[in-house]
N, C-alpha and C. Protein backbone atom coordinates (compact mmCIF):
# COMPACT_ATOMS: atom_id res chain seq x y z
N UNK A 1 122.59 71.70 92.72
CA UNK A 1 122.70 72.50 94.18
C UNK A 1 121.68 72.80 94.61
N UNK A 2 120.76 72.81 94.28
CA UNK A 2 119.41 73.30 94.58
C UNK A 2 119.38 72.53 96.14
N UNK A 3 119.70 71.85 96.25
CA UNK A 3 119.23 70.94 97.94
C UNK A 3 120.12 71.78 99.08
N UNK A 4 121.18 72.66 98.41
CA UNK A 4 122.16 73.21 99.45
C UNK A 4 121.29 74.18 100.37
N UNK A 5 120.43 75.04 99.83
CA UNK A 5 120.00 76.04 100.53
C UNK A 5 118.90 75.29 101.86
N UNK A 6 118.33 74.61 101.22
CA UNK A 6 117.15 73.51 102.05
C UNK A 6 118.01 73.04 103.46
N UNK A 7 119.22 72.05 103.09
CA UNK A 7 119.92 71.90 104.09
C UNK A 7 120.47 72.63 104.94
N UNK A 8 121.52 73.81 104.51
CA UNK A 8 121.38 75.32 105.28
C UNK A 8 120.64 75.81 105.99
N UNK A 9 119.23 75.75 105.55
CA UNK A 9 118.13 76.47 106.29
C UNK A 9 118.04 75.41 107.59
N UNK A 10 118.13 74.41 107.34
CA UNK A 10 117.68 72.90 108.43
C UNK A 10 118.75 73.22 109.31
N UNK A 11 119.88 73.45 109.25
CA UNK A 11 121.11 73.55 109.97
C UNK A 11 120.99 75.13 111.03
N UNK A 12 120.92 75.86 109.91
CA UNK A 12 120.58 76.96 110.62
C UNK A 12 119.49 77.15 111.77
N UNK A 13 118.28 76.51 111.39
CA UNK A 13 117.09 76.69 112.34
C UNK A 13 117.59 75.78 113.99
N UNK A 14 118.19 74.69 113.16
CA UNK A 14 118.70 73.76 114.46
C UNK A 14 119.94 74.81 115.33
N UNK A 15 120.55 75.52 114.66
CA UNK A 15 121.52 75.98 115.43
C UNK A 15 120.85 77.29 116.38
N UNK A 16 120.03 77.92 115.86
CA UNK A 16 119.30 79.12 116.55
C UNK A 16 118.65 78.47 117.51
N UNK A 17 118.00 77.55 117.40
CA UNK A 17 117.41 76.67 118.76
C UNK A 17 118.46 76.36 119.65
N UNK A 18 119.59 75.60 119.38
CA UNK A 18 120.42 75.46 120.34
C UNK A 18 121.28 76.54 120.94
N UNK A 19 121.08 77.57 120.00
CA UNK A 19 121.83 79.10 120.69
C UNK A 19 120.88 79.30 121.74
N UNK A 20 119.44 79.37 121.41
CA UNK A 20 118.95 79.89 122.66
C UNK A 20 118.65 79.35 123.71
N UNK A 21 118.74 77.99 123.77
CA UNK A 21 118.65 77.17 124.76
C UNK A 21 120.36 76.91 125.78
N UNK A 22 121.05 77.41 125.07
CA UNK A 22 122.39 77.67 125.72
C UNK A 22 122.26 78.80 126.42
N UNK A 23 122.24 79.93 125.81
CA UNK A 23 122.04 80.99 126.26
C UNK A 23 121.23 81.25 127.43
N UNK A 24 119.75 80.38 127.52
CA UNK A 24 119.03 80.50 128.67
C UNK A 24 119.78 79.54 129.73
N UNK A 25 120.40 78.66 129.45
CA UNK A 25 120.94 77.81 130.73
C UNK A 25 121.93 78.41 131.45
N UNK A 26 122.48 79.51 130.86
CA UNK A 26 123.95 79.73 131.51
C UNK A 26 123.41 80.80 132.85
N UNK A 27 124.21 80.70 133.82
CA UNK A 27 124.02 81.64 135.06
C UNK A 27 124.48 82.57 134.46
N UNK A 28 123.73 83.75 135.01
CA UNK A 28 123.89 85.33 135.12
C UNK A 28 124.92 86.00 135.69
N UNK A 29 125.94 86.86 135.33
CA UNK A 29 126.62 87.53 135.93
C UNK A 29 126.51 87.83 137.20
N UNK A 30 125.80 88.56 137.84
CA UNK A 30 125.60 88.65 139.30
C UNK A 30 124.07 88.12 139.61
N UNK A 31 124.43 86.77 139.95
CA UNK A 31 122.92 85.46 140.13
C UNK A 31 123.17 85.17 141.77
N UNK A 32 124.24 86.20 142.36
CA UNK A 32 124.45 85.88 143.84
C UNK A 32 123.33 86.79 144.56
N UNK A 33 123.19 86.60 145.96
CA UNK A 33 122.61 87.94 146.68
C UNK A 33 122.94 89.03 146.49
N UNK A 34 124.40 89.36 146.37
CA UNK A 34 124.79 91.03 145.92
C UNK A 34 124.31 91.18 144.86
N UNK A 35 124.32 90.74 143.93
CA UNK A 35 123.66 91.00 142.77
C UNK A 35 122.18 91.22 142.98
N UNK A 36 121.78 90.59 143.34
CA UNK A 36 120.40 91.04 143.61
C UNK A 36 119.74 92.24 144.03
N UNK A 37 120.59 92.70 145.02
CA UNK A 37 120.60 94.29 145.62
C UNK A 37 121.41 95.36 144.47
N UNK A 38 121.86 94.89 143.49
CA UNK A 38 122.75 95.84 142.79
C UNK A 38 124.47 96.21 143.04
N UNK A 39 124.40 95.23 143.78
CA UNK A 39 126.15 95.54 144.43
C UNK A 39 126.59 94.30 143.56
N UNK A 40 127.90 94.58 143.29
CA UNK A 40 128.97 93.59 142.81
C UNK A 40 130.13 93.08 143.77
N UNK A 41 129.46 92.98 144.89
CA UNK A 41 130.54 92.72 145.99
C UNK A 41 131.59 91.06 145.82
N UNK A 42 130.79 90.10 145.65
CA UNK A 42 131.43 88.63 144.95
C UNK A 42 132.44 88.88 144.04
N UNK A 43 132.16 89.79 143.30
CA UNK A 43 132.93 89.79 142.12
C UNK A 43 134.22 90.66 142.28
N UNK A 44 135.48 89.93 141.38
CA UNK A 44 136.66 90.51 141.68
C UNK A 44 136.52 91.97 140.34
N UNK A 45 137.89 92.66 140.13
CA UNK A 45 137.73 93.56 139.39
C UNK A 45 137.43 93.05 137.66
N UNK A 46 137.93 92.15 137.47
CA UNK A 46 137.74 91.60 136.13
C UNK A 46 136.65 90.51 135.99
N UNK A 47 135.79 90.15 136.89
CA UNK A 47 134.70 89.43 136.92
C UNK A 47 134.88 88.10 137.92
N UNK A 48 134.12 87.50 138.05
CA UNK A 48 134.07 86.32 139.17
C UNK A 48 134.45 85.01 138.45
N UNK A 49 134.38 84.78 137.15
CA UNK A 49 134.80 83.91 136.34
C UNK A 49 136.15 83.81 136.34
N UNK A 50 136.79 82.96 136.27
CA UNK A 50 138.57 82.82 135.72
C UNK A 50 138.72 82.15 134.47
N UNK A 51 137.82 81.21 134.36
CA UNK A 51 137.77 80.53 132.86
C UNK A 51 136.73 80.38 132.14
N UNK A 52 136.67 79.92 131.06
CA UNK A 52 135.48 80.13 130.61
C UNK A 52 134.69 78.60 130.99
N UNK A 53 133.38 78.52 131.16
CA UNK A 53 132.81 77.39 131.32
C UNK A 53 132.43 76.33 129.74
N UNK A 54 131.89 75.34 130.28
CA UNK A 54 131.44 74.37 128.70
C UNK A 54 130.47 75.37 128.08
N UNK A 55 129.49 75.98 128.71
CA UNK A 55 128.28 76.53 128.13
C UNK A 55 128.77 77.86 127.53
N UNK A 56 129.81 78.66 128.03
CA UNK A 56 130.08 79.51 127.06
C UNK A 56 131.10 79.28 126.16
N UNK A 57 131.76 78.06 126.22
CA UNK A 57 132.17 77.75 125.10
C UNK A 57 131.62 77.29 123.96
N UNK A 58 130.25 76.63 124.26
CA UNK A 58 129.39 76.25 123.33
C UNK A 58 128.49 77.24 122.65
N UNK A 59 128.07 78.60 123.88
CA UNK A 59 127.59 79.51 123.19
C UNK A 59 128.52 80.15 122.00
N UNK A 60 129.71 80.04 122.25
CA UNK A 60 130.45 80.89 121.09
C UNK A 60 130.85 80.17 120.03
N UNK A 61 130.70 78.92 120.05
CA UNK A 61 130.85 77.93 118.72
C UNK A 61 129.55 78.47 117.96
N UNK A 62 128.25 77.84 118.60
CA UNK A 62 127.10 77.96 117.99
C UNK A 62 126.80 79.61 117.41
N UNK A 63 127.11 80.71 118.13
CA UNK A 63 127.42 82.30 117.57
C UNK A 63 127.99 82.21 116.35
N UNK A 64 129.01 81.40 116.23
CA UNK A 64 129.95 81.77 114.86
C UNK A 64 129.17 80.55 113.98
N UNK A 65 128.77 79.43 114.33
CA UNK A 65 128.18 78.71 113.36
C UNK A 65 127.03 79.42 112.64
N UNK A 66 126.11 79.95 113.67
CA UNK A 66 125.12 81.04 113.37
C UNK A 66 125.29 81.92 112.38
N UNK A 67 126.14 82.72 112.63
CA UNK A 67 126.87 83.96 111.84
C UNK A 67 127.35 83.22 110.22
N UNK A 68 127.81 82.13 110.34
CA UNK A 68 128.19 81.41 109.39
C UNK A 68 127.13 81.12 108.13
N UNK A 69 125.96 80.54 109.11
CA UNK A 69 124.97 80.03 108.21
C UNK A 69 124.03 81.27 107.67
N UNK A 70 124.02 82.03 108.45
CA UNK A 70 123.15 83.42 107.93
C UNK A 70 123.87 84.27 106.92
N UNK A 71 125.23 84.44 106.66
CA UNK A 71 125.92 85.10 105.57
C UNK A 71 125.76 83.91 104.73
N UNK A 72 125.96 82.69 104.40
CA UNK A 72 125.90 81.51 103.16
C UNK A 72 124.69 81.94 102.71
N UNK A 73 123.66 81.82 103.75
CA UNK A 73 122.11 81.71 103.48
C UNK A 73 121.79 82.84 102.40
N UNK A 74 122.33 83.98 103.14
CA UNK A 74 122.17 85.23 102.14
C UNK A 74 122.75 85.18 100.87
N UNK A 75 123.88 84.85 100.90
CA UNK A 75 124.62 84.78 99.47
C UNK A 75 123.76 84.04 98.48
N UNK A 76 123.50 82.74 99.16
CA UNK A 76 122.87 81.58 98.46
C UNK A 76 121.66 82.40 97.69
N UNK A 77 120.83 83.16 98.29
CA UNK A 77 119.31 83.48 97.84
C UNK A 77 119.76 85.13 97.01
N UNK A 78 120.70 85.70 96.96
CA UNK A 78 121.12 86.70 96.57
C UNK A 78 121.70 86.64 95.12
N UNK A 79 122.22 85.42 94.78
CA UNK A 79 122.77 84.77 93.51
C UNK A 79 121.89 84.93 92.32
N UNK A 80 122.09 85.34 91.23
CA UNK A 80 121.06 85.06 90.22
C UNK A 80 120.75 84.01 89.81
N UNK A 81 119.14 83.63 89.93
CA UNK A 81 118.85 82.12 89.66
C UNK A 81 118.54 81.55 90.66
N UNK A 82 118.82 82.28 91.95
CA UNK A 82 118.45 81.61 93.36
C UNK A 82 116.92 81.51 93.32
N UNK A 83 116.73 80.73 94.46
CA UNK A 83 115.07 80.44 94.54
C UNK A 83 114.78 81.64 95.94
N UNK A 84 113.35 82.26 95.81
CA UNK A 84 112.95 83.19 96.96
C UNK A 84 111.44 83.08 97.02
N UNK A 85 111.10 83.02 98.09
CA UNK A 85 109.58 82.97 98.28
C UNK A 85 108.83 84.28 97.96
N UNK A 86 109.69 85.56 97.82
CA UNK A 86 109.18 86.63 97.57
C UNK A 86 109.22 86.40 96.02
N UNK A 87 110.44 86.21 95.39
CA UNK A 87 110.52 86.50 94.03
C UNK A 87 109.33 85.70 93.72
N UNK A 88 109.29 84.72 93.75
CA UNK A 88 108.14 83.54 93.13
C UNK A 88 106.67 84.20 93.51
N UNK A 89 106.53 84.57 94.76
CA UNK A 89 105.56 85.34 94.86
C UNK A 89 104.92 86.59 94.20
N UNK A 90 106.16 87.45 93.71
CA UNK A 90 106.00 88.70 92.85
C UNK A 90 105.56 88.44 91.75
N UNK A 91 106.07 87.11 91.19
CA UNK A 91 106.03 86.66 89.77
C UNK A 91 104.29 86.35 89.20
N UNK A 92 103.78 86.17 90.04
CA UNK A 92 102.25 85.57 89.76
C UNK A 92 101.16 86.84 89.77
N UNK A 93 101.88 87.97 90.24
CA UNK A 93 101.10 89.10 90.42
C UNK A 93 101.00 89.73 88.97
N UNK A 94 99.92 90.67 88.81
CA UNK A 94 99.63 91.58 87.41
C UNK A 94 100.33 92.40 87.68
N UNK A 95 101.56 93.18 86.78
CA UNK A 95 102.19 94.42 86.97
C UNK A 95 101.15 95.85 86.56
N UNK A 96 101.17 96.71 87.06
CA UNK A 96 100.57 97.95 87.15
C UNK A 96 100.83 98.65 86.09
N UNK A 97 100.05 99.25 85.27
CA UNK A 97 100.04 99.89 83.86
C UNK A 97 100.94 101.25 84.13
N UNK A 98 101.83 101.37 83.25
CA UNK A 98 102.95 102.22 83.22
C UNK A 98 102.26 103.97 82.96
N UNK A 99 102.91 104.65 83.86
CA UNK A 99 101.99 106.10 83.77
C UNK A 99 102.14 106.55 82.31
N UNK A 100 101.34 107.72 82.38
CA UNK A 100 101.05 108.14 80.84
C UNK A 100 102.07 109.22 80.68
N UNK A 101 103.11 109.38 79.53
CA UNK A 101 103.96 110.64 79.41
C UNK A 101 103.69 111.82 79.80
N UNK A 102 104.23 112.76 80.17
CA UNK A 102 103.74 114.39 80.43
C UNK A 102 103.13 114.93 78.89
N UNK A 103 102.36 115.30 79.39
CA UNK A 103 102.00 116.40 78.01
C UNK A 103 100.94 115.19 77.41
N UNK A 104 100.64 114.04 77.60
CA UNK A 104 99.64 113.13 76.74
C UNK A 104 98.18 113.55 77.85
N UNK A 105 97.28 113.76 76.84
CA UNK A 105 96.12 113.67 77.64
C UNK A 105 95.50 112.23 77.64
N UNK A 106 94.93 112.02 78.85
CA UNK A 106 93.97 110.62 78.89
C UNK A 106 92.66 110.78 78.94
N UNK A 107 91.70 110.22 77.93
CA UNK A 107 90.39 110.43 77.60
C UNK A 107 89.62 110.17 79.38
N UNK A 108 88.68 110.67 79.30
CA UNK A 108 87.87 110.52 80.74
C UNK A 108 86.20 110.26 80.18
N UNK A 109 85.48 109.66 80.59
CA UNK A 109 83.99 109.63 80.18
C UNK A 109 83.40 109.69 81.62
N UNK A 110 82.40 110.86 81.52
CA UNK A 110 81.52 110.99 82.84
C UNK A 110 80.09 110.84 82.15
N UNK A 111 79.31 110.15 82.92
CA UNK A 111 78.35 109.72 82.80
C UNK A 111 77.31 110.64 83.86
N UNK A 112 76.39 111.12 83.46
CA UNK A 112 75.40 112.06 84.23
C UNK A 112 74.50 110.78 85.20
N UNK A 113 74.12 111.34 86.36
CA UNK A 113 73.25 110.61 87.27
C UNK A 113 72.12 110.96 86.69
N UNK A 114 70.91 109.87 86.98
CA UNK A 114 69.51 110.26 86.92
C UNK A 114 68.92 111.06 87.66
N UNK A 115 68.28 112.21 87.42
CA UNK A 115 67.67 112.87 88.28
C UNK A 115 66.79 112.29 89.33
N UNK A 116 66.91 112.66 90.41
CA UNK A 116 66.14 112.16 91.64
C UNK A 116 64.49 112.77 91.20
N UNK A 117 63.77 111.66 91.65
CA UNK A 117 62.25 111.83 91.52
C UNK A 117 61.87 112.79 92.86
N UNK A 118 61.12 113.71 92.94
CA UNK A 118 60.33 114.30 94.46
C UNK A 118 59.66 113.18 94.94
N UNK A 119 59.91 113.07 96.39
CA UNK A 119 59.38 112.29 96.96
C UNK A 119 57.56 112.42 97.33
N UNK A 120 56.94 111.59 97.23
CA UNK A 120 55.74 111.63 97.26
C UNK A 120 55.04 111.33 98.73
N UNK A 121 54.19 112.47 98.91
CA UNK A 121 53.68 112.63 100.73
C UNK A 121 53.39 111.04 101.17
N UNK A 122 53.50 110.69 102.13
CA UNK A 122 53.13 109.56 102.48
C UNK A 122 51.78 109.46 102.98
N UNK A 123 51.22 110.92 103.52
CA UNK A 123 49.77 110.79 104.20
C UNK A 123 49.42 112.40 103.72
N UNK A 124 48.25 112.46 103.62
CA UNK A 124 47.43 113.74 102.89
C UNK A 124 47.96 114.78 104.19
N UNK A 125 48.38 116.23 103.76
CA UNK A 125 48.53 117.03 104.81
C UNK A 125 47.31 117.43 105.47
N UNK A 126 47.87 117.54 107.02
CA UNK A 126 46.64 118.04 107.88
C UNK A 126 47.02 119.50 107.76
N UNK A 127 45.96 120.34 108.49
CA UNK A 127 45.70 121.33 108.52
C UNK A 127 46.97 122.09 109.04
N UNK A 128 47.72 122.69 108.84
CA UNK A 128 49.00 123.48 109.68
C UNK A 128 48.25 124.62 110.31
N UNK A 129 48.91 125.13 111.27
CA UNK A 129 48.43 126.14 112.21
C UNK A 129 49.03 127.36 111.28
N UNK A 130 48.73 128.57 111.59
CA UNK A 130 49.09 129.64 110.97
C UNK A 130 50.35 130.43 111.74
N UNK A 131 51.37 130.29 111.06
CA UNK A 131 52.36 131.37 111.68
C UNK A 131 52.64 132.16 111.57
N UNK A 132 53.03 133.28 112.62
CA UNK A 132 52.75 134.81 112.47
C UNK A 132 53.99 135.30 111.51
N UNK A 133 55.54 134.15 111.38
CA UNK A 133 56.46 134.89 110.70
C UNK A 133 56.55 134.11 109.32
N UNK A 134 56.80 134.70 108.45
CA UNK A 134 56.89 134.17 106.90
C UNK A 134 57.72 133.03 107.09
N UNK A 135 58.01 131.76 106.46
CA UNK A 135 59.52 131.15 106.11
C UNK A 135 60.05 131.42 105.14
N UNK A 136 61.17 131.39 104.93
CA UNK A 136 61.71 131.67 103.20
C UNK A 136 61.56 130.46 102.42
N UNK A 137 61.14 130.75 101.10
CA UNK A 137 61.10 130.14 99.93
C UNK A 137 62.14 128.99 99.74
N UNK A 138 61.59 127.84 99.67
CA UNK A 138 62.41 126.88 99.11
C UNK A 138 63.09 126.82 97.90
N UNK A 139 64.26 126.67 97.81
CA UNK A 139 65.06 126.63 96.77
C UNK A 139 64.45 125.48 95.68
N UNK A 140 64.22 126.03 94.34
CA UNK A 140 63.79 124.95 93.03
C UNK A 140 64.67 123.61 93.18
N UNK A 141 64.17 122.65 92.68
CA UNK A 141 64.94 121.61 92.88
C UNK A 141 66.15 121.23 91.82
N UNK A 142 67.31 121.36 91.99
CA UNK A 142 68.00 120.99 90.95
C UNK A 142 69.19 122.27 90.89
N UNK A 143 69.20 122.94 92.35
CA UNK A 143 69.65 124.48 92.54
C UNK A 143 70.56 124.10 93.73
């Protein structure tokens, strides 16, 4: 029975394409001049169509087949042992580690970073002009 979902999927896609085409081929409800300006003068109280056309009958049949194939496919895939792209893709991924129980401590190791070396001056300092206001002292490295 593994071929049944494949055949049903092909039928479902074909019905979808047919349903889209049939709906697009139908004439709109107010496709005359009165409907273009928002009026419904050419229509009677219950609509302009008296009986259903061939396209509307085909739309109803295609919609029923579409619903049946949709329900059938969802039932076939949801059964235990059914094949699914999502289930097959999830099986190849590693599972995350379970969380630690409450109250249990997890050991953490912290490695200190190496102290930064002071930067060497690029050129010998030139004579600096004497300033009238003293500048605050720079903090010691590492503080």
